[in-house]
Amino acid sequence: MVKPDYIFESSWEVCNKVGGIYTVLSTRAKTLQEEFSDKIIFIGPDCWGEKKCPFFIPDSSILKEWQESTTLKVKVGRWDIPGKPISILVDFTPFFAEKNTIYGNLWDYFQVDSLHAYGDYDEASMFSYAAGLVVESLYKFLKLENQKVIYQANEWMCGLGALYIKKSIPEIGTIFTTHATSIGRSIAGNNKPLYEYLWAYNGDQMAGELNMQSKHSIEKQTAWNVNCFTTVSDITATECKELIDKPVDVVLPNGFEDDFVPKGAEFTKKRNAARKALLKLANALTGSQFPDDTLIVGTSGRYEFRNKGIDVFIEAMNRLNNDEKLQKPVLAFVEVPAWVGAPRQDIIERLKKAKGVNTYDTPLYLPIITHNLYNLSDDKVINMMKCYGMTNSKEDKVKVIFIPSYLNGDDGILNMPYYDVIIGKDLTVYPSYYEPWGYTPLESVAFSVPCITTDLAGFGVWANTIKGAYSEIEDGVKTIHRTDYNYSEVADAIKDTVTKYSGFTPAQIKKCRTKASKLSKKALWKEFIKYYYQAYDIALRTK
């Protein structure tokens, strides 16, 4: 294979922790840094202004002469992650003044329709353009004309920069990675059946119907014009072929590093601390008593109510509450960031005064949520729970608590980062309807927490592939068959799986947790990085 000498990679999530792409890039960085040693450079948006970016270590000595000579407003340093790769944050705001000219050129050269742009399109595009200028400037400054250079752009948000590089420096091999097609996500998010009719949808027509013309246009034209078009799973590869009319060149499955998973005594210590914190919170909120063997279940991710399966999770927990076969009390958490206000002061006061896990015997007002919401009356999680009469009364075998805040260690209630919370769970549930890959279930099994997912998630399909059949909870992952129309069957399958797990013996639980952990090892970057080398090879051979 042809191996690059330099790699530039851009994403809105470089040094900017927003979603799963941050995890993709930040865990892969260590593997690439070990191989390319400071010849991999990540480019992200300077969203911070005068404030300190918590994920970025400034270093004026890196590319010092270039920093002094460039007219671009940049911050150069290292991404504060394992591997500490060089990262450049670029201020894209000056380019808003040139927006119309930039979009005009984009139409002239590549027929990208920016006329219908709204929302985050302008912001993403100006960043993407600025990232392209950074690459162009460094390419010339470092005199890389005789080097094999790659530029990888992630998501439609970086498409404009990839097209700019393609036009201005065709010697650079360009790769475009779509982590989810904008039009596919929109079809699913608008409650339209995506999968049964996927073959019949026309991407351009649906973009017009759903007011997605500009995002779809930049995504489609980037896919068609770069040297190598990639996505993250076989599911999304099918989606690309049908909706963008372009088959991908390589599938790049999302791996990860497990160096964030504690070992031995530290693992046990953190798991016990997480369980104590979660049970203590539940008692303070609901006034119910929670025995040590309480089954702690959770779902998490972006607040995409249908796409992430949050609706079917709540449905399943409601049904589980009426399942006579359930052998343990269940404490279920919905951890998705909403339009969150302040943490509830009444919970904070109770947690301060609590002498143990089971201090209180009376509930607080609205004992189903931990924070105030600006849109409480319109919130989908709250409304669904209210509709089903899910009030966390003492008689309920299943208590469901909504934590509508990012778990970054300063949410005001748990004050624990996400990984320090997930380690305390017994089961996780990610019953996605639309999920190109799915880091949350992968992170779960890395912490030896078995999970339930679906075969509409890339991770679920992968787990089935590893087994060679549908994966069951005894394998560490339960993959449920999901279609456009079997919502009720999925809810029952979740309910039945949790009930089944509640009856496992300690030996069965240990075996299940061990298998979950072993499965996660098959998704380490050392197993998946080879697909990136294939993409680099294609991009360099076809430029």
Protein backbone atom coordinates (compact mmCIF):
# COMPACT_ATOMS: atom_id res chain seq x y z
CA MET A 1 0.00 0.00 0.00
CA VAL A 2 1.01 3.61 -0.57
CA LYS A 3 1.63 5.20 2.80
CA PRO A 4 1.25 8.96 3.40
CA ASP A 5 4.06 11.15 4.69
CA TYR A 6 1.69 13.75 6.13
CA ILE A 7 -1.94 13.58 7.25
CA PHE A 8 -4.18 16.57 7.87
CA GLU A 9 -7.59 15.84 9.35
CA SER A 10 -10.40 18.26 10.13
CA SER A 11 -13.58 17.97 12.15
CA TRP A 12 -15.88 20.28 14.06
CA GLU A 13 -15.14 17.99 17.04
CA VAL A 14 -11.35 18.41 17.16
CA CYS A 15 -10.70 19.69 20.71
CA ASN A 16 -14.48 20.25 20.87
CA LYS A 17 -16.37 17.52 22.73
CA VAL A 18 -19.80 17.41 21.14
CA GLY A 19 -20.59 13.82 20.22
CA GLY A 20 -19.30 10.47 19.00
CA ILE A 21 -16.93 11.88 16.37
CA TYR A 22 -14.85 13.34 19.19
CA THR A 23 -14.39 9.80 20.50
CA VAL A 24 -13.54 8.46 17.02
CA LEU A 25 -10.79 11.01 16.44
CA SER A 26 -9.44 11.32 19.97
CA THR A 27 -9.00 7.56 20.48
CA ARG A 28 -7.60 6.94 17.00
CA ALA A 29 -5.10 9.78 17.39
CA LYS A 30 -2.77 7.77 19.62
CA THR A 31 -2.41 4.97 17.07
CA LEU A 32 -1.70 7.42 14.23
CA GLN A 33 0.65 9.53 16.34
CA GLU A 34 2.70 6.45 17.15
CA GLU A 35 2.97 5.68 13.43
CA PHE A 36 3.42 9.19 11.99
CA SER A 37 5.02 11.07 14.90
CA ASP A 38 3.79 14.68 14.60
CA LYS A 39 3.11 14.33 10.90
CA ILE A 40 -0.57 13.95 11.66
CA ILE A 41 -2.15 17.35 12.31
CA PHE A 42 -5.74 17.84 13.45
CA ILE A 43 -7.63 21.01 12.60
CA GLY A 44 -10.64 22.16 14.60
CA PRO A 45 -12.76 25.29 15.17
CA ASP A 46 -11.71 27.95 17.63
CA CYS A 47 -15.02 28.12 19.47
CA TRP A 48 -13.43 29.42 22.62
CA GLY A 49 -12.27 32.96 21.89
CA GLU A 50 -10.54 34.35 24.98
CA LYS A 51 -11.66 31.41 27.13
CA LYS A 52 -9.36 28.44 27.71
CA CYS A 53 -10.23 25.32 25.75
CA PRO A 54 -10.20 22.42 28.27
CA PHE A 55 -9.07 19.94 25.61
CA PHE A 56 -6.21 21.96 24.12
CA ILE A 57 -2.64 22.67 25.28
CA PRO A 58 -1.25 25.79 23.54
CA ASP A 59 2.40 25.59 22.46
CA SER A 60 3.95 28.56 20.66
CA SER A 61 7.08 26.54 19.81
CA ILE A 62 5.19 24.19 17.45
CA LEU A 63 5.36 25.42 13.84
CA LYS A 64 6.71 28.66 15.34
CA GLU A 65 7.83 30.28 12.11
CA TRP A 66 4.57 29.41 10.39
CA GLN A 67 2.59 30.86 13.28
CA GLU A 68 4.53 34.10 12.97
CA SER A 69 4.15 34.31 9.20
CA THR A 70 0.54 33.26 8.57
CA THR A 71 -2.25 35.80 8.32
CA LEU A 72 -4.79 33.21 9.53
CA LYS A 73 -5.94 33.58 13.12
CA VAL A 74 -4.87 30.27 14.66
CA LYS A 75 -3.95 28.66 17.96
CA VAL A 76 -1.33 25.92 17.69
CA GLY A 77 -0.69 23.31 20.32
CA ARG A 78 -1.56 19.76 21.27
CA TRP A 79 -4.85 17.98 21.79
CA ASP A 80 -4.94 16.92 25.43
CA ILE A 81 -5.60 13.25 24.74
CA PRO A 82 -3.42 10.10 24.66
CA GLY A 83 -0.76 10.63 21.99
CA LYS A 84 -0.95 14.44 22.33
CA PRO A 85 -1.14 15.07 18.55
CA ILE A 86 -0.48 18.51 17.07
CA SER A 87 -3.74 20.42 16.74
CA ILE A 88 -4.60 23.76 15.18
CA LEU A 89 -7.70 25.70 16.16
CA VAL A 90 -8.68 28.24 13.53
CA ASP A 91 -10.84 31.32 13.95
CA PHE A 92 -13.31 31.16 11.06
CA THR A 93 -15.36 34.26 11.89
CA PRO A 94 -13.42 36.63 9.55
CA PHE A 95 -14.66 34.63 6.55
CA PHE A 96 -18.32 35.45 7.10
CA ALA A 97 -17.61 38.69 5.28
CA GLU A 98 -16.60 36.65 2.21
CA LYS A 99 -19.43 34.14 2.52
CA ASN A 100 -21.25 35.00 -0.70
CA THR A 101 -18.07 34.87 -2.78
CA ILE A 102 -17.07 31.53 -1.21
CA TYR A 103 -20.51 30.05 -1.90
CA GLY A 104 -20.48 31.46 -5.42
CA ASN A 105 -17.17 29.75 -6.18
CA LEU A 106 -18.49 26.55 -4.63
CA TRP A 107 -21.41 26.62 -7.08
CA ASP A 108 -19.23 27.51 -10.07
CA TYR A 109 -16.69 24.74 -9.44
CA PHE A 110 -18.81 21.96 -7.88
CA GLN A 111 -22.49 22.92 -8.24
CA VAL A 112 -23.02 22.95 -4.47
CA ASP A 113 -26.35 24.63 -3.65
CA SER A 114 -25.81 26.91 -0.64
CA LEU A 115 -28.85 29.06 -1.49
CA HIS A 116 -31.12 27.24 0.95
CA ALA A 117 -28.65 27.31 3.85
CA TYR A 118 -29.90 27.91 7.39
CA GLY A 119 -28.96 27.07 10.96
CA ASP A 120 -25.44 25.72 11.42
CA TYR A 121 -24.63 25.52 7.69
CA ASP A 122 -22.88 28.90 7.49
CA GLU A 123 -20.85 28.41 10.66
CA ALA A 124 -19.71 24.92 9.65
CA SER A 125 -18.89 26.00 6.10
CA MET A 126 -16.80 29.00 7.16
CA PHE A 127 -14.85 26.75 9.52
CA SER A 128 -14.40 24.18 6.76
CA TYR A 129 -13.13 26.85 4.39
CA ALA A 130 -10.72 28.16 7.04
CA ALA A 131 -9.46 24.61 7.66
CA GLY A 132 -8.78 24.25 3.94
CA LEU A 133 -6.77 27.47 4.01
CA VAL A 134 -4.74 26.18 6.96
CA VAL A 135 -3.84 23.03 5.03
CA GLU A 136 -2.97 25.01 1.91
CA SER A 137 -0.78 27.38 3.92
CA LEU A 138 1.07 24.58 5.73
CA TYR A 139 1.48 22.58 2.53
CA LYS A 140 3.34 25.51 0.97
CA PHE A 141 5.23 26.54 4.11
CA LEU A 142 6.49 23.01 4.82
CA LYS A 143 7.32 22.51 1.13
CA LEU A 144 5.35 19.26 0.90
CA GLU A 145 5.15 19.25 -2.91
CA ASN A 146 7.23 16.08 -3.13
CA GLN A 147 5.57 14.41 -0.14
CA LYS A 148 2.56 12.09 -0.10
CA VAL A 149 -0.10 14.15 1.70
CA ILE A 150 -3.62 13.22 2.86
CA TYR A 151 -6.47 15.52 3.84
CA GLN A 152 -9.37 13.81 5.60
CA ALA A 153 -12.63 15.71 6.18
CA ASN A 154 -15.26 14.42 8.61
CA GLU A 155 -18.99 14.98 7.99
CA TRP A 156 -20.74 17.43 5.68
CA MET A 157 -19.51 20.17 8.03
CA CYS A 158 -16.00 19.79 6.56
CA GLY A 159 -17.02 19.17 2.95
CA LEU A 160 -16.35 22.69 1.69
CA GLY A 161 -12.72 22.54 2.83
CA ALA A 162 -12.21 19.19 1.12
CA LEU A 163 -13.55 20.61 -2.16
CA TYR A 164 -11.35 23.69 -1.75
CA ILE A 165 -8.28 21.46 -1.38
CA LYS A 166 -9.38 19.37 -4.35
CA LYS A 167 -9.55 22.51 -6.49
CA SER A 168 -6.48 24.40 -5.23
CA ILE A 169 -4.05 21.56 -4.40
CA PRO A 170 -5.08 18.46 -6.37
CA GLU A 171 -1.74 16.87 -5.41
CA ILE A 172 -3.21 16.20 -1.95
CA GLY A 173 -5.17 12.95 -1.64
CA THR A 174 -8.61 13.80 -0.26
CA ILE A 175 -10.82 11.57 1.91
CA PHE A 176 -14.37 12.36 2.95
CA THR A 177 -15.95 10.43 5.83
CA THR A 178 -19.66 10.71 6.43
CA HIS A 179 -20.56 9.40 9.89
CA ALA A 180 -24.28 9.62 9.04
CA THR A 181 -25.88 11.01 5.93
CA SER A 182 -27.66 14.27 6.65
CA ILE A 183 -30.70 13.26 4.61
CA GLY A 184 -30.91 9.75 6.13
CA ARG A 185 -30.83 11.17 9.65
CA SER A 186 -33.46 13.73 8.64
CA ILE A 187 -35.79 11.10 7.13
CA ALA A 188 -35.54 9.02 10.31
CA GLY A 189 -35.88 12.06 12.57
CA ASN A 190 -39.05 13.12 10.77
CA ASN A 191 -40.73 9.81 11.61
CA LYS A 192 -40.63 8.56 8.04
CA PRO A 193 -39.87 4.85 7.44
CA LEU A 194 -36.24 4.88 6.32
CA TYR A 195 -35.35 1.23 5.79
CA GLU A 196 -38.26 -0.44 4.02
CA TYR A 197 -38.35 2.32 1.41
CA LEU A 198 -34.64 3.13 1.30
CA TRP A 199 -34.31 1.73 -2.21
CA ALA A 200 -37.18 3.95 -3.42
CA TYR A 201 -36.14 7.27 -1.87
CA ASN A 202 -34.50 9.87 -4.10
CA GLY A 203 -32.00 11.77 -1.94
CA ASP A 204 -32.29 15.02 -3.89
CA GLN A 205 -36.09 14.93 -3.83
CA MET A 206 -36.21 14.18 -0.09
CA ALA A 207 -33.73 16.98 0.59
CA GLY A 208 -36.17 19.39 -1.03
CA GLU A 209 -39.13 17.97 0.87
CA LEU A 210 -37.34 18.16 4.23
CA ASN A 211 -35.63 21.52 3.60
CA MET A 212 -32.19 19.89 3.64
CA GLN A 213 -31.01 20.98 0.17
CA SER A 214 -27.77 22.70 1.17
CA LYS A 215 -26.47 20.11 3.62
CA HIS A 216 -27.36 17.29 1.26
CA SER A 217 -25.76 19.14 -1.66
CA ILE A 218 -22.39 19.73 0.03
CA GLU A 219 -22.37 16.14 1.29
CA LYS A 220 -23.21 14.66 -2.11
CA GLN A 221 -20.78 16.78 -4.12
CA THR A 222 -17.96 16.14 -1.64
CA ALA A 223 -18.60 12.40 -1.84
CA TRP A 224 -18.49 12.52 -5.63
CA ASN A 225 -15.39 14.73 -5.95
CA VAL A 226 -12.90 13.53 -3.34
CA ASN A 227 -10.39 10.78 -4.06
CA CYS A 228 -11.81 8.40 -1.47
CA PHE A 229 -15.34 8.34 -0.04
CA THR A 230 -15.82 6.48 3.26
CA THR A 231 -18.34 5.86 6.02
CA VAL A 232 -18.37 4.06 9.37
CA SER A 233 -20.58 0.98 8.91
CA ASP A 234 -22.18 -1.31 6.37
CA ILE A 235 -25.59 0.12 7.29
CA THR A 236 -24.53 3.64 6.36
CA ALA A 237 -22.72 2.38 3.28
CA THR A 238 -26.08 1.16 1.96
CA GLU A 239 -27.60 4.51 2.87
CA CYS A 240 -24.86 6.36 0.95
CA LYS A 241 -25.40 4.25 -2.14
CA GLU A 242 -29.16 4.86 -2.15
CA LEU A 243 -29.39 8.49 -0.97
CA ILE A 244 -26.14 10.02 -2.26
CA ASP A 245 -26.00 7.75 -5.33
CA LYS A 246 -22.35 6.99 -4.60
CA PRO A 247 -21.01 3.72 -3.18
CA VAL A 248 -18.30 4.18 -0.55
CA ASP A 249 -14.75 3.11 -1.34
CA VAL A 250 -13.99 1.79 2.16
CA VAL A 251 -15.94 1.28 5.39
CA LEU A 252 -14.00 2.68 8.36
CA PRO A 253 -15.51 1.08 11.51
CA ASN A 254 -15.13 3.09 14.69
CA GLY A 255 -12.57 1.61 17.04
CA PHE A 256 -11.42 2.91 20.39
CA GLU A 257 -8.66 2.61 22.97
CA ASP A 258 -9.46 1.10 26.36
CA ASP A 259 -6.82 2.98 28.34
CA PHE A 260 -9.64 4.91 30.06
CA VAL A 261 -10.96 1.69 31.64
CA PRO A 262 -9.57 1.17 35.16
CA LYS A 263 -8.08 -2.19 36.08
CA GLY A 264 -8.20 -4.49 39.11
CA ALA A 265 -8.84 -2.90 42.48
CA GLU A 266 -9.30 0.54 40.90
CA PHE A 267 -12.12 -0.86 38.73
CA THR A 268 -13.90 -2.32 41.77
CA LYS A 269 -13.43 0.90 43.73
CA LYS A 270 -14.91 3.04 40.93
CA ARG A 271 -17.79 0.64 40.32
CA ASN A 272 -18.73 0.67 44.00
CA ALA A 273 -18.51 4.46 44.13
CA ALA A 274 -20.73 4.82 41.06
CA ARG A 275 -23.36 2.43 42.38
CA LYS A 276 -23.42 4.21 45.73
CA ALA A 277 -23.81 7.60 44.08
CA LEU A 278 -26.63 6.44 41.79
CA LEU A 279 -28.54 4.67 44.57
CA LYS A 280 -28.07 7.64 46.89
CA LEU A 281 -29.41 10.02 44.25
CA ALA A 282 -32.41 7.77 43.58
CA ASN A 283 -33.25 7.60 47.28
CA ALA A 284 -32.94 11.36 47.74
CA LEU A 285 -35.25 11.99 44.79
CA THR A 286 -37.87 9.26 45.22
CA GLY A 287 -37.76 8.47 48.95
CA SER A 288 -37.73 4.75 48.11
CA GLN A 289 -35.34 2.22 49.58
CA PHE A 290 -32.91 0.49 47.22
CA PRO A 291 -31.32 -2.84 48.22
CA ASP A 292 -27.75 -3.69 47.23
CA ASP A 293 -28.91 -6.03 44.46
CA THR A 294 -30.91 -3.32 42.67
CA LEU A 295 -30.42 -3.72 38.92
CA ILE A 296 -29.08 -0.40 37.61
CA VAL A 297 -29.96 0.13 33.95
CA GLY A 298 -29.35 3.13 31.71
CA THR A 299 -29.48 4.68 28.28
CA SER A 300 -27.55 7.73 27.09
CA GLY A 301 -26.47 9.72 24.05
CA ARG A 302 -27.78 12.65 22.03
CA TYR A 303 -31.36 13.74 22.61
CA GLU A 304 -32.78 12.21 19.44
CA PHE A 305 -35.97 10.82 20.89
CA ARG A 306 -36.81 8.34 18.15
CA ASN A 307 -33.47 7.84 16.42
CA LYS A 308 -31.67 6.86 19.63
CA GLY A 309 -34.58 4.74 20.83
CA ILE A 310 -35.25 6.82 23.94
CA ASP A 311 -38.98 6.38 23.32
CA VAL A 312 -38.81 2.60 23.15
CA PHE A 313 -36.56 2.49 26.25
CA ILE A 314 -39.19 4.33 28.32
CA GLU A 315 -41.88 2.08 26.82
CA ALA A 316 -39.88 -1.00 27.84
CA MET A 317 -39.32 0.26 31.41
CA ASN A 318 -43.04 0.95 31.78
CA ARG A 319 -43.86 -2.58 30.65
CA LEU A 320 -41.11 -4.01 32.84
CA ASN A 321 -42.79 -2.45 35.88
CA ASN A 322 -45.74 -4.77 35.29
CA ASP A 323 -43.71 -7.91 34.60
CA GLU A 324 -44.35 -10.42 37.37
CA LYS A 325 -41.24 -12.40 36.41
CA LEU A 326 -38.88 -9.54 37.31
CA GLN A 327 -36.73 -10.79 40.19
CA LYS A 328 -34.98 -7.59 41.31
CA PRO A 329 -35.93 -3.96 41.70
CA VAL A 330 -34.75 -1.88 38.71
CA LEU A 331 -33.35 1.64 38.74
CA ALA A 332 -33.25 3.05 35.20
CA PHE A 333 -31.55 6.27 34.10
CA VAL A 334 -32.13 8.31 30.96
CA GLU A 335 -28.93 10.33 30.54
CA VAL A 336 -29.42 12.68 27.59
CA PRO A 337 -28.63 16.40 27.63
CA ALA A 338 -31.78 18.50 27.17
CA TRP A 339 -32.51 22.23 27.44
CA VAL A 340 -31.23 22.09 30.97
CA GLY A 341 -31.38 24.82 33.57
CA ALA A 342 -29.95 24.67 37.09
CA PRO A 343 -29.60 21.47 39.11
CA ARG A 344 -32.44 21.03 41.57
CA GLN A 345 -31.57 22.64 44.87
CA ASP A 346 -33.85 20.34 46.86
CA ILE A 347 -31.87 17.31 45.62
CA ILE A 348 -28.56 19.01 46.38
CA GLU A 349 -29.68 19.73 49.96
CA ARG A 350 -30.82 16.16 50.50
CA LEU A 351 -27.59 14.71 49.10
CA LYS A 352 -25.56 16.94 51.44
CA LYS A 353 -27.50 15.74 54.47
CA ALA A 354 -27.75 12.08 53.47
CA LYS A 355 -26.08 9.72 55.95
CA GLY A 356 -26.18 6.72 53.64
CA VAL A 357 -27.69 5.26 50.50
CA ASN A 358 -31.19 4.89 52.02
CA THR A 359 -31.63 7.98 54.21
CA TYR A 360 -35.03 9.28 53.03
CA ASP A 361 -38.51 7.78 52.99
CA THR A 362 -40.52 10.60 51.35
CA PRO A 363 -40.29 11.70 47.71
CA LEU A 364 -39.51 15.16 46.42
CA TYR A 365 -41.82 16.98 44.04
CA LEU A 366 -41.61 15.53 40.50
CA PRO A 367 -39.35 12.63 41.53
CA ILE A 368 -38.42 11.70 37.96
CA ILE A 369 -35.88 14.40 37.01
CA THR A 370 -32.68 15.80 38.51
CA HIS A 371 -32.48 19.27 36.94
CA ASN A 372 -34.79 22.12 36.05
CA LEU A 373 -35.65 22.39 32.36
CA TYR A 374 -36.44 25.54 30.44
CA ASN A 375 -39.06 23.63 28.45
CA LEU A 376 -40.38 21.20 31.04
CA SER A 377 -43.93 21.18 29.68
CA ASP A 378 -42.70 20.37 26.16
CA ASP A 379 -39.99 17.84 27.01
CA LYS A 380 -40.58 14.49 25.30
CA VAL A 381 -39.11 12.29 28.04
CA ILE A 382 -41.12 13.98 30.78
CA ASN A 383 -44.32 13.96 28.72
CA MET A 384 -44.02 10.28 27.84
CA MET A 385 -43.44 9.36 31.48
CA LYS A 386 -46.38 11.50 32.58
CA CYS A 387 -48.57 9.99 29.86
CA TYR A 388 -47.84 6.50 31.22
CA GLY A 389 -48.24 7.58 34.84
CA MET A 390 -44.59 6.81 35.61
CA THR A 391 -44.22 8.67 38.91
CA ASN A 392 -41.62 6.51 40.74
CA SER A 393 -44.06 5.65 43.53
CA LYS A 394 -42.86 3.30 46.24
CA GLU A 395 -44.95 0.48 44.79
CA ASP A 396 -43.15 0.67 41.44
CA LYS A 397 -40.63 -2.11 40.91
CA VAL A 398 -38.99 0.00 38.22
CA LYS A 399 -37.95 3.59 38.93
CA VAL A 400 -36.94 5.78 35.97
CA ILE A 401 -34.88 8.96 36.51
CA PHE A 402 -34.10 11.54 33.83
CA ILE A 403 -30.67 13.24 34.06
CA PRO A 404 -30.93 15.93 31.34
CA SER A 405 -27.36 17.18 31.66
CA TYR A 406 -23.98 16.40 30.15
CA LEU A 407 -22.13 14.15 32.58
CA ASN A 408 -18.80 15.97 32.45
CA GLY A 409 -18.09 16.07 36.16
CA ASP A 410 -19.82 19.34 37.02
CA ASP A 411 -23.52 18.70 36.42
CA GLY A 412 -24.30 19.83 39.99
CA ILE A 413 -25.96 16.58 41.09
CA LEU A 414 -23.75 13.54 40.46
CA ASN A 415 -20.64 15.60 39.64
CA MET A 416 -19.04 12.55 38.06
CA PRO A 417 -17.81 12.22 34.47
CA TYR A 418 -19.74 9.83 32.22
CA TYR A 419 -17.18 7.00 32.38
CA ASP A 420 -17.23 7.13 36.18
CA VAL A 421 -21.01 6.70 36.05
CA ILE A 422 -21.37 3.99 33.42
CA ILE A 423 -19.01 1.68 35.33
CA GLY A 424 -21.69 1.35 38.04
CA LYS A 425 -24.40 0.07 35.70
CA ASP A 426 -25.50 -3.56 35.45
CA LEU A 427 -27.06 -3.26 31.99
CA THR A 428 -27.28 -0.58 29.33
CA VAL A 429 -29.90 -0.24 26.62
CA TYR A 430 -29.37 1.50 23.24
CA PRO A 431 -32.33 0.45 21.09
CA SER A 432 -31.50 2.79 18.22
CA TYR A 433 -33.65 3.25 15.15
CA TYR A 434 -30.94 5.29 13.40
CA GLU A 435 -27.34 4.73 14.50
CA PRO A 436 -24.55 4.53 11.90
CA TRP A 437 -22.16 2.99 14.44
CA GLY A 438 -22.83 3.46 18.14
CA TYR A 439 -20.08 4.33 20.57
CA THR A 440 -22.28 4.18 23.65
CA PRO A 441 -22.75 0.38 23.50
CA LEU A 442 -19.06 -0.08 22.70
CA GLU A 443 -18.06 2.03 25.70
CA SER A 444 -20.50 0.06 27.83
CA VAL A 445 -19.02 -3.35 27.04
CA ALA A 446 -15.52 -1.91 27.50
CA PHE A 447 -16.53 -1.34 31.13
CA SER A 448 -17.79 -4.94 31.34
CA VAL A 449 -21.39 -3.73 31.31
CA PRO A 450 -23.52 -5.94 29.03
CA CYS A 451 -25.79 -4.00 26.69
CA ILE A 452 -28.93 -4.30 24.61
CA THR A 453 -28.90 -2.76 21.13
CA THR A 454 -30.49 -3.32 17.71
CA ASP A 455 -29.49 -4.43 14.25
CA LEU A 456 -30.21 -0.92 12.96
CA ALA A 457 -27.04 0.19 14.77
CA GLY A 458 -23.69 -0.44 13.12
CA PHE A 459 -22.35 -1.80 16.42
CA GLY A 460 -25.22 -4.29 16.69
CA VAL A 461 -24.58 -5.58 13.18
CA TRP A 462 -20.87 -5.87 14.00
CA ALA A 463 -21.62 -7.83 17.21
CA ASN A 464 -23.76 -10.23 15.16
CA THR A 465 -20.95 -10.59 12.63
CA ILE A 466 -18.46 -11.50 15.36
CA LYS A 467 -20.78 -14.22 16.67
CA GLY A 468 -21.97 -15.36 13.24
CA ALA A 469 -25.58 -15.17 14.44
CA TYR A 470 -27.78 -12.86 16.46
CA SER A 471 -25.88 -11.93 19.61
CA GLU A 472 -27.65 -12.76 22.90
CA ILE A 473 -27.26 -11.21 26.34
CA GLU A 474 -25.21 -14.25 27.41
CA ASP A 475 -22.66 -13.10 24.78
CA GLY A 476 -22.37 -9.68 26.45
CA VAL A 477 -24.54 -7.94 23.83
CA LYS A 478 -28.19 -8.59 23.03
CA THR A 479 -28.92 -7.48 19.47
CA ILE A 480 -32.65 -7.07 18.81
CA HIS A 481 -34.05 -7.18 15.29
CA ARG A 482 -35.61 -3.79 14.57
CA THR A 483 -37.57 -2.55 11.56
CA ASP A 484 -39.56 0.54 10.65
CA TYR A 485 -42.67 -0.93 12.24
CA ASN A 486 -41.87 -3.33 15.11
CA TYR A 487 -41.59 -0.77 17.94
CA SER A 488 -43.81 -2.81 20.27
CA GLU A 489 -41.87 -6.04 19.70
CA VAL A 490 -38.60 -4.21 20.42
CA ALA A 491 -40.00 -2.86 23.70
CA ASP A 492 -41.05 -6.37 24.72
CA ALA A 493 -37.64 -7.79 23.77
CA ILE A 494 -35.92 -5.20 25.99
CA LYS A 495 -38.32 -5.95 28.85
CA ASP A 496 -37.80 -9.70 28.50
CA THR A 497 -34.01 -9.37 28.34
CA VAL A 498 -33.86 -7.26 31.53
CA THR A 499 -36.19 -9.73 33.25
CA LYS A 500 -34.00 -12.62 32.12
CA TYR A 501 -30.85 -10.88 33.38
CA SER A 502 -32.51 -10.18 36.73
CA GLY A 503 -32.66 -13.94 37.26
CA PHE A 504 -29.02 -14.65 36.43
CA THR A 505 -26.89 -16.27 39.12
CA PRO A 506 -23.69 -14.47 40.21
CA ALA A 507 -21.71 -16.95 38.09
CA GLN A 508 -23.85 -16.21 35.02
CA ILE A 509 -23.48 -12.46 35.57
CA LYS A 510 -19.70 -12.76 35.88
CA LYS A 511 -19.51 -14.81 32.67
CA CYS A 512 -21.72 -12.31 30.83
CA ARG A 513 -19.63 -9.33 31.99
CA THR A 514 -16.42 -11.10 30.98
CA LYS A 515 -17.76 -11.78 27.49
CA ALA A 516 -18.80 -8.15 27.15
CA SER A 517 -15.28 -7.02 27.97
CA LYS A 518 -13.71 -9.55 25.60
CA LEU A 519 -15.95 -8.41 22.75
CA SER A 520 -14.82 -4.82 23.23
CA LYS A 521 -11.18 -5.88 22.71
CA LYS A 522 -12.05 -6.87 19.14
CA ALA A 523 -12.89 -3.22 18.41
CA LEU A 524 -9.58 -1.71 19.52
CA TRP A 525 -7.89 0.57 16.99
CA LYS A 526 -5.12 -1.96 16.48
CA GLU A 527 -7.83 -4.13 14.86
CA PHE A 528 -9.51 -1.38 12.80
CA ILE A 529 -6.70 0.99 11.79
CA LYS A 530 -5.94 -1.16 8.74
CA TYR A 531 -9.08 0.17 7.04
CA TYR A 532 -7.72 3.72 7.30
CA TYR A 533 -4.51 2.62 5.59
CA GLN A 534 -6.67 1.25 2.76
CA ALA A 535 -8.39 4.64 2.46
CA TYR A 536 -5.04 6.48 2.44
CA ASP A 537 -3.82 4.14 -0.29
CA ILE A 538 -6.89 4.73 -2.46
CA ALA A 539 -6.73 8.50 -1.99
CA LEU A 540 -3.04 8.69 -2.92
CA ARG A 541 -3.36 6.38 -5.92
CA THR A 542 -6.35 8.19 -7.43
CA LYS A 543 -5.40 11.85 -6.86
